[in-house]
């Protein structure tokens, strides 16, 4: 006599492939992008699914060669549709191939990116000059912007960042002593501002007009060698302060 109780037939165990695409995108967003790309070998569905994750982060130092890095970025962006990008992070060196990097940043803006993090190392060579695309300063979707680049930024006359709440500027150079204040006037919803090692000839004061500002972080360690040349701490003026 069989003493084992009858076993009911269980339903088929679901797999990740059975989950909705939106949920899969959310799961993949927690993985490094290189690992996300490897999921394409799992099935035909995953082959294209990985290219539509909402968060994109590219770091050149994670690749053995610059060529591999560029090929990976180009492949990720080439297969993507017009779905929105939640966050876009790019960390790389800028050389003669600067036009490609410019195009990648424009891609993020075109895809309604909300959080943009750019860490660009510009080679100090006469034939290399890189400017942040003007589209960045006209974005209607950006809520966070981090710029770390040893190069000048030019604020277009049509600039306006209506939704930007967090702004971080590191090692950024400005055309003149009016550019910083001009930029901040174009960020009406600014709540968090970081200014670190910014550079501008003859900079004597920074005028900040930000009604919603809740956090201000200023540190000057690199430019120039003598902090008194800028006097940013002595001349800092905060209008309508909410500190």
C-alpha atoms as a PDB file:
ATOM      1  CA  UNK A   1       0.000   0.000   0.000  1.00  0.00           C
ATOM      2  CA  UNK A   2       1.393   3.367  -1.016  1.00  0.00           C
ATOM      3  CA  UNK A   3       1.630   5.514   2.120  1.00  0.00           C
ATOM      4  CA  UNK A   4       2.651   8.653   0.259  1.00  0.00           C
ATOM      5  CA  UNK A   5      -0.268  11.089  -0.067  1.00  0.00           C
ATOM      6  CA  UNK A   6      -1.291  11.979  -3.568  1.00  0.00           C
ATOM      7  CA  UNK A   7       0.432  15.029  -4.904  1.00  0.00           C
ATOM      8  CA  UNK A   8      -1.737  17.561  -6.608  1.00  0.00           C
ATOM      9  CA  UNK A   9      -0.522  18.749  -9.936  1.00  0.00           C
ATOM     10  CA  UNK A  10       0.981  22.162  -9.418  1.00  0.00           C
ATOM     11  CA  UNK A  11       0.598  24.921 -11.908  1.00  0.00           C
ATOM     12  CA  UNK A  12       3.495  25.890 -14.052  1.00  0.00           C
ATOM     13  CA  UNK A  13       6.082  27.907 -12.171  1.00  0.00           C
ATOM     14  CA  UNK A  14       6.328  31.361 -13.669  1.00  0.00           C
ATOM     15  CA  UNK A  15       9.588  32.777 -14.945  1.00  0.00           C
ATOM     16  CA  UNK A  16      10.977  36.264 -15.280  1.00  0.00           C
ATOM     17  CA  UNK A  17       9.987  36.225 -18.920  1.00  0.00           C
ATOM     18  CA  UNK A  18       6.332  36.135 -17.855  1.00  0.00           C
ATOM     19  CA  UNK A  19       6.594  39.460 -16.028  1.00  0.00           C
ATOM     20  CA  UNK A  20       5.363  42.662 -17.676  1.00  0.00           C
ATOM     21  CA  UNK A  21       8.014  44.621 -19.552  1.00  0.00           C
ATOM     22  CA  UNK A  22       7.616  47.596 -17.231  1.00  0.00           C
ATOM     23  CA  UNK A  23       8.452  45.475 -14.187  1.00  0.00           C
ATOM     24  CA  UNK A  24      11.414  43.890 -15.950  1.00  0.00           C
ATOM     25  CA  UNK A  25      12.736  47.350 -16.817  1.00  0.00           C
ATOM     26  CA  UNK A  26      12.486  48.277 -13.149  1.00  0.00           C
ATOM     27  CA  UNK A  27      14.382  45.145 -12.075  1.00  0.00           C
ATOM     28  CA  UNK A  28      17.110  45.708 -14.655  1.00  0.00           C
ATOM     29  CA  UNK A  29      17.536  49.318 -13.558  1.00  0.00           C
ATOM     30  CA  UNK A  30      19.235  48.081 -10.363  1.00  0.00           C
ATOM     31  CA  UNK A  31      22.009  46.298 -12.290  1.00  0.00           C
ATOM     32  CA  UNK A  32      25.168  47.769 -13.827  1.00  0.00           C
ATOM     33  CA  UNK A  33      24.523  48.464 -17.493  1.00  0.00           C
ATOM     34  CA  UNK A  34      27.200  46.019 -18.655  1.00  0.00           C
ATOM     35  CA  UNK A  35      25.455  43.227 -16.728  1.00  0.00           C
ATOM     36  CA  UNK A  36      22.104  44.315 -18.092  1.00  0.00           C
ATOM     37  CA  UNK A  37      23.491  43.949 -21.597  1.00  0.00           C
ATOM     38  CA  UNK A  38      24.485  40.365 -20.895  1.00  0.00           C
ATOM     39  CA  UNK A  39      20.849  39.413 -20.229  1.00  0.00           C
ATOM     40  CA  UNK A  40      20.321  39.568 -23.974  1.00  0.00           C
ATOM     41  CA  UNK A  41      21.563  35.977 -24.250  1.00  0.00           C
ATOM     42  CA  UNK A  42      18.718  34.631 -22.072  1.00  0.00           C
ATOM     43  CA  UNK A  43      16.014  34.682 -24.709  1.00  0.00           C
ATOM     44  CA  UNK A  44      14.729  36.494 -27.763  1.00  0.00           C
ATOM     45  CA  UNK A  45      12.590  38.713 -25.542  1.00  0.00           C
ATOM     46  CA  UNK A  46      15.531  39.744 -23.363  1.00  0.00           C
ATOM     47  CA  UNK A  47      17.652  40.445 -26.431  1.00  0.00           C
ATOM     48  CA  UNK A  48      15.848  43.735 -26.995  1.00  0.00           C
ATOM     49  CA  UNK A  49      14.385  44.334 -23.543  1.00  0.00           C
ATOM     50  CA  UNK A  50      17.680  45.317 -21.923  1.00  0.00           C
ATOM     51  CA  UNK A  51      18.035  48.305 -24.238  1.00  0.00           C
ATOM     52  CA  UNK A  52      15.020  50.085 -22.749  1.00  0.00           C
ATOM     53  CA  UNK A  53      15.983  50.346 -19.087  1.00  0.00           C
ATOM     54  CA  UNK A  54      15.172  53.814 -17.675  1.00  0.00           C
ATOM     55  CA  UNK A  55      18.567  54.431 -16.057  1.00  0.00           C
ATOM     56  CA  UNK A  56      21.703  54.662 -18.188  1.00  0.00           C
ATOM     57  CA  UNK A  57      25.176  54.903 -16.633  1.00  0.00           C
ATOM     58  CA  UNK A  58      28.372  54.807 -18.694  1.00  0.00           C
ATOM     59  CA  UNK A  59      31.852  54.889 -17.149  1.00  0.00           C
ATOM     60  CA  UNK A  60      34.894  54.618 -19.399  1.00  0.00           C
ATOM     61  CA  UNK A  61      37.064  53.296 -16.555  1.00  0.00           C
ATOM     62  CA  UNK A  62      34.966  50.126 -16.447  1.00  0.00           C
ATOM     63  CA  UNK A  63      36.193  49.124 -19.909  1.00  0.00           C
ATOM     64  CA  UNK A  64      39.625  47.774 -20.906  1.00  0.00           C
ATOM     65  CA  UNK A  65      39.855  49.973 -23.994  1.00  0.00           C
ATOM     66  CA  UNK A  66      38.329  53.248 -25.106  1.00  0.00           C
ATOM     67  CA  UNK A  67      37.146  51.633 -28.328  1.00  0.00           C
ATOM     68  CA  UNK A  68      35.158  49.041 -26.362  1.00  0.00           C
ATOM     69  CA  UNK A  69      33.572  51.801 -24.306  1.00  0.00           C
ATOM     70  CA  UNK A  70      32.485  53.785 -27.355  1.00  0.00           C
ATOM     71  CA  UNK A  71      31.100  50.701 -29.073  1.00  0.00           C
ATOM     72  CA  UNK A  72      29.092  49.802 -25.985  1.00  0.00           C
ATOM     73  CA  UNK A  73      27.580  53.269 -25.607  1.00  0.00           C
ATOM     74  CA  UNK A  74      26.754  53.516 -29.309  1.00  0.00           C
ATOM     75  CA  UNK A  75      25.093  50.094 -29.216  1.00  0.00           C
ATOM     76  CA  UNK A  76      22.993  50.964 -26.170  1.00  0.00           C
ATOM     77  CA  UNK A  77      21.724  54.185 -27.691  1.00  0.00           C
ATOM     78  CA  UNK A  78      21.252  52.838 -31.201  1.00  0.00           C
ATOM     79  CA  UNK A  79      18.761  50.160 -30.151  1.00  0.00           C
ATOM     80  CA  UNK A  80      16.730  52.393 -27.879  1.00  0.00           C
ATOM     81  CA  UNK A  81      13.309  53.684 -28.889  1.00  0.00           C
ATOM     82  CA  UNK A  82      11.835  57.058 -27.910  1.00  0.00           C
ATOM     83  CA  UNK A  83      10.923  55.953 -24.374  1.00  0.00           C
ATOM     84  CA  UNK A  84      11.929  58.441 -21.680  1.00  0.00           C
ATOM     85  CA  UNK A  85      15.231  58.178 -19.812  1.00  0.00           C
ATOM     86  CA  UNK A  86      14.986  58.651 -16.062  1.00  0.00           C
ATOM     87  CA  UNK A  87      18.688  59.153 -15.385  1.00  0.00           C
ATOM     88  CA  UNK A  88      21.743  59.447 -17.619  1.00  0.00           C
ATOM     89  CA  UNK A  89      25.266  59.301 -16.186  1.00  0.00           C
ATOM     90  CA  UNK A  90      28.398  59.689 -18.283  1.00  0.00           C
ATOM     91  CA  UNK A  91      31.986  59.591 -17.036  1.00  0.00           C
ATOM     92  CA  UNK A  92      34.737  59.645 -19.645  1.00  0.00           C
ATOM     93  CA  UNK A  93      37.709  61.441 -21.168  1.00  0.00           C
ATOM     94  CA  UNK A  94      37.144  63.998 -23.913  1.00  0.00           C
ATOM     95  CA  UNK A  95      39.550  63.791 -26.827  1.00  0.00           C
ATOM     96  CA  UNK A  96      39.290  64.299 -30.580  1.00  0.00           C
ATOM     97  CA  UNK A  97      36.100  62.230 -30.525  1.00  0.00           C
ATOM     98  CA  UNK A  98      34.253  64.948 -28.599  1.00  0.00           C
ATOM     99  CA  UNK A  99      31.430  65.155 -31.217  1.00  0.00           C
ATOM    100  CA  UNK A 100      30.297  61.652 -30.232  1.00  0.00           C
ATOM    101  CA  UNK A 101      30.091  62.632 -26.567  1.00  0.00           C
ATOM    102  CA  UNK A 102      28.154  65.753 -27.541  1.00  0.00           C
ATOM    103  CA  UNK A 103      25.684  63.550 -29.431  1.00  0.00           C
ATOM    104  CA  UNK A 104      25.216  61.227 -26.435  1.00  0.00           C
ATOM    105  CA  UNK A 105      24.301  64.130 -24.177  1.00  0.00           C
ATOM    106  CA  UNK A 106      21.840  65.456 -26.751  1.00  0.00           C
ATOM    107  CA  UNK A 107      20.341  61.965 -26.904  1.00  0.00           C
ATOM    108  CA  UNK A 108      19.592  62.089 -23.182  1.00  0.00           C
ATOM    109  CA  UNK A 109      17.949  65.510 -23.453  1.00  0.00           C
ATOM    110  CA  UNK A 110      15.905  64.384 -26.456  1.00  0.00           C
ATOM    111  CA  UNK A 111      14.635  61.459 -24.379  1.00  0.00           C
ATOM    112  CA  UNK A 112      13.316  63.724 -21.615  1.00  0.00           C
ATOM    113  CA  UNK A 113      15.991  62.826 -19.075  1.00  0.00           C
ATOM    114  CA  UNK A 114      15.246  63.884 -15.498  1.00  0.00           C
ATOM    115  CA  UNK A 115      18.621  63.314 -13.827  1.00  0.00           C
ATOM    116  CA  UNK A 116      21.781  64.165 -15.768  1.00  0.00           C
ATOM    117  CA  UNK A 117      25.247  63.450 -14.333  1.00  0.00           C
ATOM    118  CA  UNK A 118      28.259  64.401 -16.463  1.00  0.00           C
ATOM    119  CA  UNK A 119      31.836  63.861 -15.331  1.00  0.00           C
ATOM    120  CA  UNK A 120      34.061  64.767 -18.286  1.00  0.00           C
ATOM    121  CA  UNK A 121      37.846  64.947 -18.285  1.00  0.00           C
ATOM    122  CA  UNK A 122      38.943  67.299 -21.054  1.00  0.00           C
ATOM    123  CA  UNK A 123      42.477  66.917 -22.381  1.00  0.00           C
ATOM    124  CA  UNK A 124      44.392  70.192 -22.295  1.00  0.00           C
ATOM    125  CA  UNK A 125      45.251  70.329 -25.984  1.00  0.00           C
ATOM    126  CA  UNK A 126      44.790  73.236 -28.427  1.00  0.00           C
ATOM    127  CA  UNK A 127      42.647  71.183 -30.795  1.00  0.00           C
ATOM    128  CA  UNK A 128      40.248  69.966 -28.084  1.00  0.00           C
ATOM    129  CA  UNK A 129      37.501  72.245 -26.837  1.00  0.00           C
ATOM    130  CA  UNK A 130      34.273  70.893 -25.474  1.00  0.00           C
ATOM    131  CA  UNK A 131      31.102  72.807 -24.672  1.00  0.00           C
ATOM    132  CA  UNK A 132      28.070  71.386 -22.910  1.00  0.00           C
ATOM    133  CA  UNK A 133      25.215  71.299 -25.457  1.00  0.00           C
ATOM    134  CA  UNK A 134      22.953  74.323 -25.149  1.00  0.00           C
ATOM    135  CA  UNK A 135      19.970  71.939 -25.048  1.00  0.00           C
ATOM    136  CA  UNK A 136      20.971  70.988 -21.507  1.00  0.00           C
ATOM    137  CA  UNK A 137      20.192  74.506 -20.312  1.00  0.00           C
ATOM    138  CA  UNK A 138      16.813  74.513 -22.065  1.00  0.00           C
ATOM    139  CA  UNK A 139      15.529  71.202 -20.734  1.00  0.00           C
ATOM    140  CA  UNK A 140      11.927  71.177 -19.539  1.00  0.00           C
ATOM    141  CA  UNK A 141      12.324  67.813 -17.778  1.00  0.00           C
ATOM    142  CA  UNK A 142      15.596  68.031 -15.821  1.00  0.00           C
ATOM    143  CA  UNK A 143      15.184  67.870 -12.047  1.00  0.00           C
ATOM    144  CA  UNK A 144      18.835  67.116 -11.201  1.00  0.00           C
ATOM    145  CA  UNK A 145      21.962  68.318 -12.991  1.00  0.00           C
ATOM    146  CA  UNK A 146      25.551  67.515 -12.012  1.00  0.00           C
ATOM    147  CA  UNK A 147      28.350  68.962 -14.140  1.00  0.00           C
ATOM    148  CA  UNK A 148      31.967  68.101 -13.420  1.00  0.00           C
ATOM    149  CA  UNK A 149      34.103  69.307 -16.293  1.00  0.00           C
ATOM    150  CA  UNK A 150      37.324  71.305 -16.476  1.00  0.00           C
ATOM    151  CA  UNK A 151      36.009  73.455 -19.266  1.00  0.00           C
ATOM    152  CA  UNK A 152      33.936  76.572 -19.758  1.00  0.00           C
ATOM    153  CA  UNK A 153      30.176  76.444 -20.015  1.00  0.00           C
ATOM    154  CA  UNK A 154      28.238  78.928 -22.097  1.00  0.00           C
ATOM    155  CA  UNK A 155      24.735  79.860 -20.985  1.00  0.00           C
ATOM    156  CA  UNK A 156      22.496  80.432 -24.039  1.00  0.00           C
ATOM    157  CA  UNK A 157      20.192  83.445 -24.116  1.00  0.00           C
ATOM    158  CA  UNK A 158      17.188  81.110 -24.298  1.00  0.00           C
ATOM    159  CA  UNK A 159      18.195  79.090 -21.220  1.00  0.00           C
ATOM    160  CA  UNK A 160      15.541  78.051 -18.705  1.00  0.00           C
ATOM    161  CA  UNK A 161      15.370  75.053 -16.369  1.00  0.00           C
ATOM    162  CA  UNK A 162      11.841  75.232 -14.940  1.00  0.00           C
ATOM    163  CA  UNK A 163      11.888  71.906 -13.055  1.00  0.00           C
ATOM    164  CA  UNK A 164      15.489  71.753 -11.865  1.00  0.00           C
ATOM    165  CA  UNK A 165      15.740  71.277  -8.091  1.00  0.00           C
ATOM    166  CA  UNK A 166      19.297  70.016  -7.606  1.00  0.00           C
ATOM    167  CA  UNK A 167      22.301  71.671  -9.273  1.00  0.00           C
ATOM    168  CA  UNK A 168      25.935  70.685  -8.735  1.00  0.00           C
ATOM    169  CA  UNK A 169      28.815  72.452 -10.501  1.00  0.00           C
ATOM    170  CA  UNK A 170      32.314  71.040  -9.987  1.00  0.00           C
ATOM    171  CA  UNK A 171      35.500  72.357 -11.650  1.00  0.00           C
ATOM    172  CA  UNK A 172      33.392  74.341 -14.088  1.00  0.00           C
ATOM    173  CA  UNK A 173      34.706  77.506 -15.731  1.00  0.00           C
ATOM    174  CA  UNK A 174      32.483  80.463 -16.571  1.00  0.00           C
ATOM    175  CA  UNK A 175      32.903  83.050 -19.304  1.00  0.00           C
ATOM    176  CA  UNK A 176      32.571  86.016 -16.966  1.00  0.00           C
ATOM    177  CA  UNK A 177      31.589  86.929 -13.419  1.00  0.00           C
ATOM    178  CA  UNK A 178      27.953  87.411 -14.439  1.00  0.00           C
ATOM    179  CA  UNK A 179      27.416  83.898 -15.829  1.00  0.00           C
ATOM    180  CA  UNK A 180      26.906  82.131 -12.501  1.00  0.00           C
ATOM    181  CA  UNK A 181      24.249  84.551 -11.321  1.00  0.00           C
ATOM    182  CA  UNK A 182      22.619  84.462 -14.749  1.00  0.00           C
ATOM    183  CA  UNK A 183      22.383  80.685 -14.624  1.00  0.00           C
ATOM    184  CA  UNK A 184      20.865  80.643 -11.142  1.00  0.00           C
ATOM    185  CA  UNK A 185      18.208  83.151 -12.172  1.00  0.00           C
ATOM    186  CA  UNK A 186      17.021  80.595 -14.723  1.00  0.00           C
ATOM    187  CA  UNK A 187      16.383  77.907 -12.095  1.00  0.00           C
ATOM    188  CA  UNK A 188      13.235  79.074 -10.252  1.00  0.00           C
ATOM    189  CA  UNK A 189      12.672  75.796  -8.372  1.00  0.00           C
ATOM    190  CA  UNK A 190      16.257  75.338  -7.147  1.00  0.00           C
ATOM    191  CA  UNK A 191      16.419  73.695  -3.712  1.00  0.00           C
ATOM    192  CA  UNK A 192      19.947  72.263  -3.531  1.00  0.00           C
ATOM    193  CA  UNK A 193      23.050  74.039  -4.877  1.00  0.00           C
ATOM    194  CA  UNK A 194      26.675  72.855  -4.847  1.00  0.00           C
ATOM    195  CA  UNK A 195      29.547  75.005  -6.122  1.00  0.00           C
ATOM    196  CA  UNK A 196      32.922  73.279  -5.918  1.00  0.00           C
ATOM    197  CA  UNK A 197      36.188  74.567  -7.376  1.00  0.00           C
ATOM    198  CA  UNK A 198      34.459  76.760  -9.931  1.00  0.00           C
ATOM    199  CA  UNK A 199      36.674  79.114 -11.898  1.00  0.00           C
ATOM    200  CA  UNK A 200      36.148  82.545 -13.378  1.00  0.00           C
ATOM    201  CA  UNK A 201      38.615  85.376 -13.862  1.00  0.00           C
ATOM    202  CA  UNK A 202      37.937  88.413 -11.680  1.00  0.00           C
ATOM    203  CA  UNK A 203      35.107  86.702  -9.832  1.00  0.00           C
ATOM    204  CA  UNK A 204      34.418  88.773  -6.719  1.00  0.00           C
ATOM    205  CA  UNK A 205      30.917  87.830  -5.707  1.00  0.00           C
ATOM    206  CA  UNK A 206      28.078  85.446  -6.417  1.00  0.00           C
ATOM    207  CA  UNK A 207      24.499  86.673  -6.304  1.00  0.00           C
ATOM    208  CA  UNK A 208      22.042  83.911  -5.548  1.00  0.00           C
ATOM    209  CA  UNK A 209      18.339  84.535  -6.018  1.00  0.00           C
ATOM    210  CA  UNK A 210      16.574  81.259  -5.208  1.00  0.00           C
ATOM    211  CA  UNK A 211      13.346  81.529  -3.180  1.00  0.00           C
ATOM    212  CA  UNK A 212      13.165  77.768  -2.587  1.00  0.00           C
ATOM    213  CA  UNK A 213      16.832  77.191  -1.780  1.00  0.00           C
ATOM    214  CA  UNK A 214      17.180  74.820   1.188  1.00  0.00           C
ATOM    215  CA  UNK A 215      20.828  73.716   0.928  1.00  0.00           C
ATOM    216  CA  UNK A 216      23.926  75.595  -0.206  1.00  0.00           C
ATOM    217  CA  UNK A 217      27.362  73.958  -0.320  1.00  0.00           C
ATOM    218  CA  UNK A 218      30.386  75.989  -1.444  1.00  0.00           C
ATOM    219  CA  UNK A 219      33.987  74.806  -1.372  1.00  0.00           C
ATOM    220  CA  UNK A 220      36.980  76.304  -3.153  1.00  0.00           C
ATOM    221  CA  UNK A 221      40.203  74.295  -2.953  1.00  0.00           C
ATOM    222  CA  UNK A 222      41.778  74.313  -6.397  1.00  0.00           C
ATOM    223  CA  UNK A 223      41.124  77.519  -8.347  1.00  0.00           C
ATOM    224  CA  UNK A 224      42.884  79.801  -7.731  1.00  0.00           C
ATOM    225  CA  UNK A 225      45.769  78.996  -5.394  1.00  0.00           C
ATOM    226  CA  UNK A 226      45.012  82.092  -3.342  1.00  0.00           C
ATOM    227  CA  UNK A 227      41.379  81.985  -2.221  1.00  0.00           C
ATOM    228  CA  UNK A 228      41.397  85.760  -1.650  1.00  0.00           C
ATOM    229  CA  UNK A 229      41.513  86.252  -5.415  1.00  0.00           C
ATOM    230  CA  UNK A 230      37.916  85.064  -5.600  1.00  0.00           C
ATOM    231  CA  UNK A 231      36.619  86.014  -2.159  1.00  0.00           C
ATOM    232  CA  UNK A 232      33.575  83.898  -2.728  1.00  0.00           C
ATOM    233  CA  UNK A 233      32.928  83.387   0.982  1.00  0.00           C
ATOM    234  CA  UNK A 234      33.316  87.056   1.864  1.00  0.00           C
ATOM    235  CA  UNK A 235      31.084  88.373  -0.916  1.00  0.00           C
ATOM    236  CA  UNK A 236      28.413  85.675  -1.055  1.00  0.00           C
ATOM    237  CA  UNK A 237      24.974  87.246  -1.081  1.00  0.00           C
ATOM    238  CA  UNK A 238      21.820  85.215  -0.606  1.00  0.00           C
ATOM    239  CA  UNK A 239      18.593  86.964  -1.519  1.00  0.00           C
ATOM    240  CA  UNK A 240      15.261  85.669  -0.198  1.00  0.00           C
ATOM    241  CA  UNK A 241      17.109  83.070   1.914  1.00  0.00           C
ATOM    242  CA  UNK A 242      15.500  79.845   3.038  1.00  0.00           C
ATOM    243  CA  UNK A 243      18.555  78.333   4.717  1.00  0.00           C
END
